[in-house]
PDB file of N, CA and C in Angstrom:
ATOM      1  N   MET A   1      48.032  35.633 101.294  1.00  0.00           N
ATOM      2  CA  MET A   1      47.261  34.658 102.040  1.00  0.00           C
ATOM      3  C   MET A   1      45.823  35.152 102.235  1.00  0.00           C
ATOM      4  N   LYS A   2      45.692  36.473 102.410  1.00  0.00           N
ATOM      5  CA  LYS A   2      44.362  37.049 102.587  1.00  0.00           C
ATOM      6  C   LYS A   2      43.539  36.849 101.317  1.00  0.00           C
ATOM      7  N   ASN A   3      44.188  37.025 100.155  1.00  0.00           N
ATOM      8  CA  ASN A   3      43.492  36.808  98.886  1.00  0.00           C
ATOM      9  C   ASN A   3      43.062  35.365  98.739  1.00  0.00           C
ATOM     10  N   LEU A   4      43.895  34.451  99.191  1.00  0.00           N
ATOM     11  CA  LEU A   4      43.564  33.041  99.133  1.00  0.00           C
ATOM     12  C   LEU A   4      42.321  32.750  99.975  1.00  0.00           C
ATOM     13  N   SER A   5      42.275  33.336 101.148  1.00  0.00           N
ATOM     14  CA  SER A   5      41.112  33.152 102.017  1.00  0.00           C
ATOM     15  C   SER A   5      39.855  33.722 101.372  1.00  0.00           C
ATOM     16  N   LEU A   6      39.986  34.886 100.761  1.00  0.00           N
ATOM     17  CA  LEU A   6      38.840  35.490 100.083  1.00  0.00           C
ATOM     18  C   LEU A   6      38.385  34.636  98.906  1.00  0.00           C
ATOM     19  N   LEU A   7      39.328  34.045  98.212  1.00  0.00           N
ATOM     20  CA  LEU A   7      38.993  33.192  97.078  1.00  0.00           C
ATOM     21  C   LEU A   7      38.268  31.930  97.533  1.00  0.00           C
ATOM     22  N   VAL A   8      38.719  31.360  98.620  1.00  0.00           N
ATOM     23  CA  VAL A   8      38.052  30.180  99.172  1.00  0.00           C
ATOM     24  C   VAL A   8      36.622  30.541  99.571  1.00  0.00           C
ATOM     25  N   ILE A   9      36.467  31.672 100.191  1.00  0.00           N
ATOM     26  CA  ILE A   9      35.125  32.131 100.582  1.00  0.00           C
ATOM     27  C   ILE A   9      34.268  32.348  99.350  1.00  0.00           C
ATOM     28  N   ALA A  10      34.851  32.941  98.310  1.00  0.00           N
ATOM     29  CA  ALA A  10      34.098  33.182  97.063  1.00  0.00           C
ATOM     30  C   ALA A  10      33.628  31.867  96.451  1.00  0.00           C
ATOM     31  N   LEU A  11      34.477  30.841  96.484  1.00  0.00           N
ATOM     32  CA  LEU A  11      34.079  29.533  95.958  1.00  0.00           C
ATOM     33  C   LEU A  11      32.908  28.952  96.749  1.00  0.00           C
ATOM     34  N   PHE A  12      32.963  29.072  98.060  1.00  0.00           N
ATOM     35  CA  PHE A  12      31.881  28.545  98.872  1.00  0.00           C
ATOM     36  C   PHE A  12      30.592  29.334  98.672  1.00  0.00           C
ATOM     37  N   VAL A  13      30.703  30.653  98.508  1.00  0.00           N
ATOM     38  CA  VAL A  13      29.519  31.474  98.260  1.00  0.00           C
ATOM     39  C   VAL A  13      28.901  31.093  96.924  1.00  0.00           C
ATOM     40  N   LEU A  14      29.738  30.900  95.899  1.00  0.00           N
ATOM     41  CA  LEU A  14      29.234  30.490  94.594  1.00  0.00           C
ATOM     42  C   LEU A  14      28.534  29.138  94.704  1.00  0.00           C
ATOM     43  N   SER A  15      29.148  28.216  95.400  1.00  0.00           N
ATOM     44  CA  SER A  15      28.543  26.892  95.577  1.00  0.00           C
ATOM     45  C   SER A  15      27.210  27.002  96.317  1.00  0.00           C
ATOM     46  N   ALA A  16      27.189  27.800  97.359  1.00  0.00           N
ATOM     47  CA  ALA A  16      25.955  27.959  98.131  1.00  0.00           C
ATOM     48  C   ALA A  16      24.868  28.622  97.300  1.00  0.00           C
ATOM     49  N   SER A  17      25.255  29.598  96.493  1.00  0.00           N
ATOM     50  CA  SER A  17      24.239  30.270  95.678  1.00  0.00           C
ATOM     51  C   SER A  17      23.686  29.329  94.622  1.00  0.00           C
ATOM     52  N   LEU A  18      24.530  28.462  94.089  1.00  0.00           N
ATOM     53  CA  LEU A  18      24.040  27.499  93.107  1.00  0.00           C
ATOM     54  C   LEU A  18      23.108  26.489  93.759  1.00  0.00           C
ATOM     55  N   VAL A  19      23.445  26.047  94.948  1.00  0.00           N
ATOM     56  CA  VAL A  19      22.581  25.113  95.669  1.00  0.00           C
ATOM     57  C   VAL A  19      21.287  25.815  96.060  1.00  0.00           C
ATOM     58  N   GLY A  20      21.373  27.068  96.473  1.00  0.00           N
ATOM     59  CA  GLY A  20      20.193  27.829  96.854  1.00  0.00           C
ATOM     60  C   GLY A  20      19.244  28.028  95.695  1.00  0.00           C
ATOM     61  N   CYS A  21      19.788  28.173  94.499  1.00  0.00           N
ATOM     62  CA  CYS A  21      18.939  28.346  93.317  1.00  0.00           C
ATOM     63  C   CYS A  21      18.167  27.085  92.998  1.00  0.00           C
ATOM     64  N   GLU A  22      18.667  25.950  93.465  1.00  0.00           N
ATOM     65  CA  GLU A  22      18.023  24.683  93.188  1.00  0.00           C
ATOM     66  C   GLU A  22      17.003  24.288  94.259  1.00  0.00           C
ATOM     67  N   SER A  23      16.876  25.072  95.330  1.00  0.00           N
ATOM     68  CA  SER A  23      15.976  24.692  96.413  1.00  0.00           C
ATOM     69  C   SER A  23      14.525  24.772  95.966  1.00  0.00           C
ATOM     70  N   ASP A  24      13.694  23.944  96.586  1.00  0.00           N
ATOM     71  CA  ASP A  24      12.279  23.850  96.224  1.00  0.00           C
ATOM     72  C   ASP A  24      11.469  24.826  97.052  1.00  0.00           C
ATOM     73  N   ALA A  25      10.674  25.649  96.397  1.00  0.00           N
ATOM     74  CA  ALA A  25       9.867  26.648  97.090  1.00  0.00           C
ATOM     75  C   ALA A  25       8.736  26.003  97.870  1.00  0.00           C
ATOM     76  N   GLY A  26       8.223  24.885  97.374  1.00  0.00           N
ATOM     77  CA  GLY A  26       7.220  24.149  98.124  1.00  0.00           C
ATOM     78  C   GLY A  26       5.793  24.455  97.754  1.00  0.00           C
ATOM     79  N   ASP A  27       5.481  25.496  97.026  1.00  0.00           N
ATOM     80  CA  ASP A  27       4.093  25.758  96.671  1.00  0.00           C
ATOM     81  C   ASP A  27       3.764  25.106  95.336  1.00  0.00           C
ATOM     82  N   GLN A  28       2.512  24.719  95.171  1.00  0.00           N
ATOM     83  CA  GLN A  28       2.091  23.950  94.001  1.00  0.00           C
ATOM     84  C   GLN A  28       2.226  24.750  92.718  1.00  0.00           C
ATOM     85  N   ALA A  29       1.840  26.011  92.725  1.00  0.00           N
ATOM     86  CA  ALA A  29       1.949  26.843  91.520  1.00  0.00           C
ATOM     87  C   ALA A  29       3.404  26.952  91.089  1.00  0.00           C
ATOM     88  N   GLY A  30       4.273  27.114  92.047  1.00  0.00           N
ATOM     89  CA  GLY A  30       5.704  27.185  91.744  1.00  0.00           C
ATOM     90  C   GLY A  30       6.216  25.872  91.188  1.00  0.00           C
ATOM     91  N   ASP A  31       5.709  24.760  91.748  1.00  0.00           N
ATOM     92  CA  ASP A  31       6.113  23.436  91.267  1.00  0.00           C
ATOM     93  C   ASP A  31       5.650  23.211  89.837  1.00  0.00           C
ATOM     94  N   GLU A  32       4.429  23.628  89.530  1.00  0.00           N
ATOM     95  CA  GLU A  32       3.908  23.462  88.172  1.00  0.00           C
ATOM     96  C   GLU A  32       4.701  24.313  87.188  1.00  0.00           C
ATOM     97  N   ALA A  33       4.993  25.534  87.571  1.00  0.00           N
ATOM     98  CA  ALA A  33       5.778  26.416  86.700  1.00  0.00           C
ATOM     99  C   ALA A  33       7.178  25.851  86.505  1.00  0.00           C
ATOM    100  N   GLU A  34       7.732  25.338  87.589  1.00  0.00           N
ATOM    101  CA  GLU A  34       9.068  24.749  87.510  1.00  0.00           C
ATOM    102  C   GLU A  34       9.069  23.523  86.602  1.00  0.00           C
ATOM    103  N   ALA A  35       8.042  22.701  86.701  1.00  0.00           N
ATOM    104  CA  ALA A  35       7.938  21.519  85.845  1.00  0.00           C
ATOM    105  C   ALA A  35       7.830  21.917  84.379  1.00  0.00           C
ATOM    106  N   ALA A  36       7.063  22.973  84.108  1.00  0.00           N
ATOM    107  CA  ALA A  36       6.925  23.451  82.725  1.00  0.00           C
ATOM    108  C   ALA A  36       8.255  23.977  82.201  1.00  0.00           C
ATOM    109  N   VAL A  37       8.965  24.712  83.036  1.00  0.00           N
ATOM    110  CA  VAL A  37      10.264  25.235  82.634  1.00  0.00           C
ATOM    111  C   VAL A  37      11.251  24.096  82.402  1.00  0.00           C
ATOM    112  N   GLU A  38      11.233  23.092  83.289  1.00  0.00           N
ATOM    113  CA  GLU A  38      12.126  21.948  83.121  1.00  0.00           C
ATOM    114  C   GLU A  38      11.808  21.182  81.849  1.00  0.00           C
ATOM    115  N   ALA A  39      10.527  20.998  81.543  1.00  0.00           N
ATOM    116  CA  ALA A  39      10.139  20.299  80.318  1.00  0.00           C
ATOM    117  C   ALA A  39      10.626  21.066  79.094  1.00  0.00           C
ATOM    118  N   GLU A  40      10.460  22.379  79.143  1.00  0.00           N
ATOM    119  CA  GLU A  40      10.931  23.206  78.028  1.00  0.00           C
ATOM    120  C   GLU A  40      12.451  23.138  77.907  1.00  0.00           C
ATOM    121  N   ALA A  41      13.129  23.159  79.043  1.00  0.00           N
ATOM    122  CA  ALA A  41      14.588  23.080  79.032  1.00  0.00           C
ATOM    123  C   ALA A  41      15.053  21.739  78.475  1.00  0.00           C
ATOM    124  N   GLN A  42      14.346  20.656  78.835  1.00  0.00           N
ATOM    125  CA  GLN A  42      14.705  19.339  78.309  1.00  0.00           C
ATOM    126  C   GLN A  42      14.496  19.278  76.806  1.00  0.00           C
ATOM    127  N   GLU A  43      13.430  19.901  76.326  1.00  0.00           N
ATOM    128  CA  GLU A  43      13.198  19.946  74.885  1.00  0.00           C
ATOM    129  C   GLU A  43      14.317  20.706  74.182  1.00  0.00           C
ATOM    130  N   GLU A  44      14.720  21.825  74.782  1.00  0.00           N
ATOM    131  CA  GLU A  44      15.803  22.609  74.198  1.00  0.00           C
ATOM    132  C   GLU A  44      17.104  21.822  74.219  1.00  0.00           C
ATOM    133  N   GLU A  45      17.373  21.125  75.324  1.00  0.00           N
ATOM    134  CA  GLU A  45      18.585  20.312  75.411  1.00  0.00           C
ATOM    135  C   GLU A  45      18.563  19.208  74.373  1.00  0.00           C
ATOM    136  N   SER A  46      17.402  18.609  74.184  1.00  0.00           N
ATOM    137  CA  SER A  46      17.267  17.556  73.184  1.00  0.00           C
ATOM    138  C   SER A  46      17.534  18.102  71.791  1.00  0.00           C
ATOM    139  N   ALA A  47      17.004  19.280  71.503  1.00  0.00           N
ATOM    140  CA  ALA A  47      17.220  19.904  70.202  1.00  0.00           C
ATOM    141  C   ALA A  47      18.697  20.250  70.021  1.00  0.00           C
ATOM    142  N   GLN A  48      19.313  20.719  71.085  1.00  0.00           N
ATOM    143  CA  GLN A  48      20.738  21.039  71.014  1.00  0.00           C
ATOM    144  C   GLN A  48      21.569  19.783  70.828  1.00  0.00           C
ATOM    145  N   ALA A  49      21.182  18.700  71.483  1.00  0.00           N
ATOM    146  CA  ALA A  49      21.905  17.443  71.335  1.00  0.00           C
ATOM    147  C   ALA A  49      21.779  16.931  69.912  1.00  0.00           C
ATOM    148  N   ASP A  50      20.598  17.129  69.313  1.00  0.00           N
ATOM    149  CA  ASP A  50      20.407  16.713  67.935  1.00  0.00           C
ATOM    150  C   ASP A  50      21.335  17.470  67.000  1.00  0.00           C
ATOM    151  N   GLU A  51      21.576  18.720  67.313  1.00  0.00           N
ATOM    152  CA  GLU A  51      22.466  19.532  66.504  1.00  0.00           C
ATOM    153  C   GLU A  51      23.929  19.210  66.791  1.00  0.00           C
ATOM    154  N   GLU A  52      24.188  18.433  67.842  1.00  0.00           N
ATOM    155  CA  GLU A  52      25.530  18.060  68.270  1.00  0.00           C
ATOM    156  C   GLU A  52      26.421  19.284  68.432  1.00  0.00           C
ATOM    157  N   GLU A  53      25.894  20.264  69.133  1.00  0.00           N
ATOM    158  CA  GLU A  53      26.608  21.509  69.366  1.00  0.00           C
ATOM    159  C   GLU A  53      27.660  21.309  70.447  1.00  0.00           C
ATOM    160  N   GLU A  54      28.826  21.841  70.216  1.00  0.00           N
ATOM    161  CA  GLU A  54      29.893  21.797  71.205  1.00  0.00           C
ATOM    162  C   GLU A  54      29.539  22.737  72.360  1.00  0.00           C
ATOM    163  N   PRO A  55      29.857  22.347  73.605  1.00  0.00           N
ATOM    164  CA  PRO A  55      29.604  23.266  74.722  1.00  0.00           C
ATOM    165  C   PRO A  55      30.528  24.479  74.620  1.00  0.00           C
ATOM    166  N   SER A  56      30.062  25.589  75.161  1.00  0.00           N
ATOM    167  CA  SER A  56      30.863  26.816  75.120  1.00  0.00           C
ATOM    168  C   SER A  56      32.133  26.634  75.949  1.00  0.00           C
ATOM    169  N   GLU A  57      33.082  27.498  75.696  1.00  0.00           N
ATOM    170  CA  GLU A  57      34.345  27.454  76.437  1.00  0.00           C
ATOM    171  C   GLU A  57      34.102  27.687  77.927  1.00  0.00           C
ATOM    172  N   LEU A  58      33.150  28.558  78.235  1.00  0.00           N
ATOM    173  CA  LEU A  58      32.833  28.843  79.636  1.00  0.00           C
ATOM    174  C   LEU A  58      32.246  27.613  80.327  1.00  0.00           C
ATOM    175  N   VAL A  59      31.412  26.861  79.625  1.00  0.00           N
ATOM    176  CA  VAL A  59      30.842  25.632  80.188  1.00  0.00           C
ATOM    177  C   VAL A  59      31.957  24.620  80.443  1.00  0.00           C
ATOM    178  N   LEU A  60      32.883  24.499  79.516  1.00  0.00           N
ATOM    179  CA  LEU A  60      34.001  23.568  79.699  1.00  0.00           C
ATOM    180  C   LEU A  60      34.854  23.966  80.901  1.00  0.00           C
ATOM    181  N   LYS A  61      35.087  25.260  81.058  1.00  0.00           N
ATOM    182  CA  LYS A  61      35.862  25.734  82.205  1.00  0.00           C
ATOM    183  C   LYS A  61      35.096  25.499  83.502  1.00  0.00           C
ATOM    184  N   ALA A  62      33.785  25.668  83.468  1.00  0.00           N
ATOM    185  CA  ALA A  62      32.962  25.432  84.659  1.00  0.00           C
ATOM    186  C   ALA A  62      33.058  23.973  85.084  1.00  0.00           C
ATOM    187  N   ARG A  63      33.046  23.067  84.112  1.00  0.00           N
ATOM    188  CA  ARG A  63      33.182  21.638  84.422  1.00  0.00           C
ATOM    189  C   ARG A  63      34.534  21.344  85.060  1.00  0.00           C
ATOM    190  N   GLU A  64      35.554  22.047  84.622  1.00  0.00           N
ATOM    191  CA  GLU A  64      36.886  21.860  85.183  1.00  0.00           C
ATOM    192  C   GLU A  64      36.970  22.389  86.616  1.00  0.00           C
ATOM    193  N   LEU A  65      36.243  23.484  86.878  1.00  0.00           N
ATOM    194  CA  LEU A  65      36.297  24.105  88.200  1.00  0.00           C
ATOM    195  C   LEU A  65      35.427  23.393  89.233  1.00  0.00           C
ATOM    196  N   GLY A  66      34.472  22.609  88.801  1.00  0.00           N
ATOM    197  CA  GLY A  66      33.573  21.932  89.729  1.00  0.00           C
ATOM    198  C   GLY A  66      34.289  21.178  90.840  1.00  0.00           C
ATOM    199  N   PRO A  67      35.209  20.294  90.493  1.00  0.00           N
ATOM    200  CA  PRO A  67      35.919  19.537  91.531  1.00  0.00           C
ATOM    201  C   PRO A  67      36.850  20.395  92.387  1.00  0.00           C
ATOM    202  N   LEU A  68      37.174  21.588  91.924  1.00  0.00           N
ATOM    203  CA  LEU A  68      38.074  22.466  92.673  1.00  0.00           C
ATOM    204  C   LEU A  68      37.517  22.807  94.049  1.00  0.00           C
ATOM    205  N   ALA A  69      36.216  23.029  94.136  1.00  0.00           N
ATOM    206  CA  ALA A  69      35.609  23.383  95.424  1.00  0.00           C
ATOM    207  C   ALA A  69      35.825  22.274  96.452  1.00  0.00           C
ATOM    208  N   GLU A  70      35.644  21.032  96.043  1.00  0.00           N
ATOM    209  CA  GLU A  70      35.859  19.913  96.971  1.00  0.00           C
ATOM    210  C   GLU A  70      37.333  19.800  97.347  1.00  0.00           C
ATOM    211  N   MET A  71      38.198  20.009  96.360  1.00  0.00           N
ATOM    212  CA  MET A  71      39.635  19.940  96.616  1.00  0.00           C
ATOM    213  C   MET A  71      40.035  21.008  97.641  1.00  0.00           C
ATOM    214  N   ILE A  72      39.504  22.214  97.487  1.00  0.00           N
ATOM    215  CA  ILE A  72      39.832  23.292  98.424  1.00  0.00           C
ATOM    216  C   ILE A  72      39.233  23.007  99.796  1.00  0.00           C
ATOM    217  N   HIS A  73      38.045  22.419  99.812  1.00  0.00           N
ATOM    218  CA  HIS A  73      37.419  22.076 101.094  1.00  0.00           C
ATOM    219  C   HIS A  73      38.302  21.091 101.859  1.00  0.00           C
ATOM    220  N   GLN A  74      38.881  20.127 101.153  1.00  0.00           N
ATOM    221  CA  GLN A  74      39.727  19.126 101.797  1.00  0.00           C
ATOM    222  C   GLN A  74      41.108  19.670 102.147  1.00  0.00           C
ATOM    223  N   ASP A  75      41.655  20.533 101.281  1.00  0.00           N
ATOM    224  CA  ASP A  75      42.997  21.066 101.495  1.00  0.00           C
ATOM    225  C   ASP A  75      43.079  22.486 100.929  1.00  0.00           C
ATOM    226  N   PRO A  76      42.765  23.500 101.745  1.00  0.00           N
ATOM    227  CA  PRO A  76      42.746  24.882 101.249  1.00  0.00           C
ATOM    228  C   PRO A  76      44.068  25.336 100.621  1.00  0.00           C
ATOM    229  N   ASP A  77      45.174  24.781 101.070  1.00  0.00           N
ATOM    230  CA  ASP A  77      46.470  25.187 100.528  1.00  0.00           C
ATOM    231  C   ASP A  77      46.700  24.658  99.116  1.00  0.00           C
ATOM    232  N   SER A  78      45.878  23.719  98.662  1.00  0.00           N
ATOM    233  CA  SER A  78      46.068  23.137  97.334  1.00  0.00           C
ATOM    234  C   SER A  78      45.687  24.100  96.219  1.00  0.00           C
ATOM    235  N   LEU A  79      44.953  25.151  96.535  1.00  0.00           N
ATOM    236  CA  LEU A  79      44.527  26.107  95.516  1.00  0.00           C
ATOM    237  C   LEU A  79      45.719  26.753  94.828  1.00  0.00           C
ATOM    238  N   GLN A  80      46.708  27.142  95.594  1.00  0.00           N
ATOM    239  CA  GLN A  80      47.856  27.829  95.002  1.00  0.00           C
ATOM    240  C   GLN A  80      48.556  26.939  93.976  1.00  0.00           C
ATOM    241  N   GLY A  81      48.722  25.669  94.278  1.00  0.00           N
ATOM    242  CA  GLY A  81      49.336  24.735  93.328  1.00  0.00           C
ATOM    243  C   GLY A  81      48.492  24.567  92.080  1.00  0.00           C
ATOM    244  N   TRP A  82      47.176  24.516  92.286  1.00  0.00           N
ATOM    245  CA  TRP A  82      46.255  24.381  91.150  1.00  0.00           C
ATOM    246  C   TRP A  82      46.374  25.581  90.237  1.00  0.00           C
ATOM    247  N   LEU A  83      46.420  26.782  90.822  1.00  0.00           N
ATOM    248  CA  LEU A  83      46.554  28.003  90.036  1.00  0.00           C
ATOM    249  C   LEU A  83      47.883  28.029  89.275  1.00  0.00           C
ATOM    250  N   GLU A  84      48.959  27.610  89.948  1.00  0.00           N
ATOM    251  CA  GLU A  84      50.271  27.603  89.296  1.00  0.00           C
ATOM    252  C   GLU A  84      50.306  26.626  88.127  1.00  0.00           C
ATOM    253  N   GLU A  85      49.674  25.466  88.282  1.00  0.00           N
ATOM    254  CA  GLU A  85      49.632  24.482  87.197  1.00  0.00           C
ATOM    255  C   GLU A  85      48.957  25.054  85.958  1.00  0.00           C
ATOM    256  N   ARG A  86      47.967  25.888  86.160  1.00  0.00           N
ATOM    257  CA  ARG A  86      47.196  26.450  85.050  1.00  0.00           C
ATOM    258  C   ARG A  86      47.656  27.849  84.654  1.00  0.00           C
ATOM    259  N   GLU A  87      48.733  28.307  85.299  1.00  0.00           N
ATOM    260  CA  GLU A  87      49.269  29.643  85.041  1.00  0.00           C
ATOM    261  C   GLU A  87      48.159  30.689  85.119  1.00  0.00           C
ATOM    262  N   MET A  88      47.432  30.637  86.233  1.00  0.00           N
ATOM    263  CA  MET A  88      46.288  31.515  86.445  1.00  0.00           C
ATOM    264  C   MET A  88      46.472  32.258  87.760  1.00  0.00           C
ATOM    265  N   SER A  89      46.090  33.521  87.771  1.00  0.00           N
ATOM    266  CA  SER A  89      46.160  34.301  89.006  1.00  0.00           C
ATOM    267  C   SER A  89      44.846  34.147  89.774  1.00  0.00           C
ATOM    268  N   GLU A  90      44.874  34.545  91.038  1.00  0.00           N
ATOM    269  CA  GLU A  90      43.651  34.503  91.848  1.00  0.00           C
ATOM    270  C   GLU A  90      42.594  35.430  91.268  1.00  0.00           C
ATOM    271  N   GLU A  91      43.021  36.570  90.739  1.00  0.00           N
ATOM    272  CA  GLU A  91      42.082  37.523  90.147  1.00  0.00           C
ATOM    273  C   GLU A  91      41.406  36.919  88.921  1.00  0.00           C
ATOM    274  N   GLU A  92      42.180  36.195  88.106  1.00  0.00           N
ATOM    275  CA  GLU A  92      41.605  35.548  86.920  1.00  0.00           C
ATOM    276  C   GLU A  92      40.597  34.476  87.326  1.00  0.00           C
ATOM    277  N   LEU A  93      40.907  33.743  88.387  1.00  0.00           N
ATOM    278  CA  LEU A  93      39.983  32.729  88.875  1.00  0.00           C
ATOM    279  C   LEU A  93      38.705  33.379  89.397  1.00  0.00           C
ATOM    280  N   GLU A  94      38.834  34.466  90.142  1.00  0.00           N
ATOM    281  CA  GLU A  94      37.658  35.171  90.645  1.00  0.00           C
ATOM    282  C   GLU A  94      36.784  35.665  89.496  1.00  0.00           C
ATOM    283  N   GLU A  95      37.413  36.212  88.462  1.00  0.00           N
ATOM    284  CA  GLU A  95      36.672  36.702  87.300  1.00  0.00           C
ATOM    285  C   GLU A  95      35.964  35.545  86.593  1.00  0.00           C
ATOM    286  N   LEU A  96      36.650  34.425  86.461  1.00  0.00           N
ATOM    287  CA  LEU A  96      36.052  33.256  85.823  1.00  0.00           C
ATOM    288  C   LEU A  96      34.852  32.753  86.630  1.00  0.00           C
ATOM    289  N   LEU A  97      34.983  32.701  87.948  1.00  0.00           N
ATOM    290  CA  LEU A  97      33.875  32.267  88.798  1.00  0.00           C
ATOM    291  C   LEU A  97      32.687  33.224  88.676  1.00  0.00           C
ATOM    292  N   PHE A  98      32.971  34.507  88.577  1.00  0.00           N
ATOM    293  CA  PHE A  98      31.898  35.482  88.395  1.00  0.00           C
ATOM    294  C   PHE A  98      31.193  35.239  87.064  1.00  0.00           C
ATOM    295  N   ASP A  99      31.980  35.060  85.994  1.00  0.00           N
ATOM    296  CA  ASP A  99      31.399  34.810  84.673  1.00  0.00           C
ATOM    297  C   ASP A  99      30.540  33.553  84.678  1.00  0.00           C
ATOM    298  N   ILE A 100      31.009  32.513  85.346  1.00  0.00           N
ATOM    299  CA  ILE A 100      30.253  31.257  85.431  1.00  0.00           C
ATOM    300  C   ILE A 100      28.943  31.492  86.182  1.00  0.00           C
ATOM    301  N   SER A 101      28.999  32.257  87.251  1.00  0.00           N
ATOM    302  CA  SER A 101      27.788  32.495  88.038  1.00  0.00           C
ATOM    303  C   SER A 101      26.744  33.291  87.256  1.00  0.00           C
ATOM    304  N   GLN A 102      27.171  34.050  86.248  1.00  0.00           N
ATOM    305  CA  GLN A 102      26.252  34.865  85.457  1.00  0.00           C
ATOM    306  C   GLN A 102      25.662  34.105  84.270  1.00  0.00           C
ATOM    307  N   ASP A 103      26.231  32.959  83.917  1.00  0.00           N
ATOM    308  CA  ASP A 103      25.781  32.188  82.755  1.00  0.00           C
ATOM    309  C   ASP A 103      25.033  30.938  83.231  1.00  0.00           C
ATOM    310  N   PRO A 104      23.749  30.797  82.898  1.00  0.00           N
ATOM    311  CA  PRO A 104      22.971  29.653  83.395  1.00  0.00           C
ATOM    312  C   PRO A 104      23.550  28.296  82.977  1.00  0.00           C
ATOM    313  N   ASP A 105      24.005  28.163  81.743  1.00  0.00           N
ATOM    314  CA  ASP A 105      24.565  26.882  81.291  1.00  0.00           C
ATOM    315  C   ASP A 105      25.855  26.555  82.033  1.00  0.00           C
ATOM    316  N   ALA A 106      26.708  27.563  82.191  1.00  0.00           N
ATOM    317  CA  ALA A 106      27.958  27.358  82.906  1.00  0.00           C
ATOM    318  C   ALA A 106      27.709  27.067  84.387  1.00  0.00           C
ATOM    319  N   SER A 107      26.737  27.761  84.983  1.00  0.00           N
ATOM    320  CA  SER A 107      26.403  27.508  86.400  1.00  0.00           C
ATOM    321  C   SER A 107      25.914  26.074  86.582  1.00  0.00           C
ATOM    322  N   GLN A 108      25.093  25.618  85.655  1.00  0.00           N
ATOM    323  CA  GLN A 108      24.598  24.250  85.742  1.00  0.00           C
ATOM    324  C   GLN A 108      25.739  23.255  85.577  1.00  0.00           C
ATOM    325  N   ALA A 109      26.620  23.520  84.621  1.00  0.00           N
ATOM    326  CA  ALA A 109      27.772  22.628  84.408  1.00  0.00           C
ATOM    327  C   ALA A 109      28.660  22.578  85.652  1.00  0.00           C
ATOM    328  N   TYR A 110      28.868  23.727  86.293  1.00  0.00           N
ATOM    329  CA  TYR A 110      29.662  23.794  87.524  1.00  0.00           C
ATOM    330  C   TYR A 110      28.994  22.973  88.624  1.00  0.00           C
ATOM    331  N   SER A 111      27.705  23.160  88.771  1.00  0.00           N
ATOM    332  CA  SER A 111      26.951  22.447  89.810  1.00  0.00           C
ATOM    333  C   SER A 111      26.994  20.936  89.575  1.00  0.00           C
ATOM    334  N   GLU A 112      26.827  20.512  88.338  1.00  0.00           N
ATOM    335  CA  GLU A 112      26.850  19.083  88.015  1.00  0.00           C
ATOM    336  C   GLU A 112      28.243  18.485  88.223  1.00  0.00           C
ATOM    337  N   ALA A 113      29.279  19.281  87.982  1.00  0.00           N
ATOM    338  CA  ALA A 113      30.639  18.792  88.120  1.00  0.00           C
ATOM    339  C   ALA A 113      31.050  18.616  89.576  1.00  0.00           C
ATOM    340  N   ARG A 114      30.350  19.300  90.471  1.00  0.00           N
ATOM    341  CA  ARG A 114      30.650  19.156  91.896  1.00  0.00           C
ATOM    342  C   ARG A 114      30.141  17.846  92.347  1.00  0.00           C
TER     343      ARG A 114
END
């Protein structure tokens, strides 16, 4: 049960860190740099879409995990059933969440899926 509580906390920390990364700094230079980065990212996404590249396995898993945070928020006990359905341990889920948090594409996919 203690591991379950830690896992729930880890999910909320991951969610908060993803939301925190999206916060606006508020200064004009930062906004201009951010706009340039976003424009470049959109160009890269467009080029990737043209190539019709399949998303990575980690991105697909991140999309699957996105709704999990809301499900746990509504019913913390539902996590154990979710893990059993996927034949996954809490440690494997923690490792997957860590991997997602380290990959920008997977983090974005997780954030969008929430």
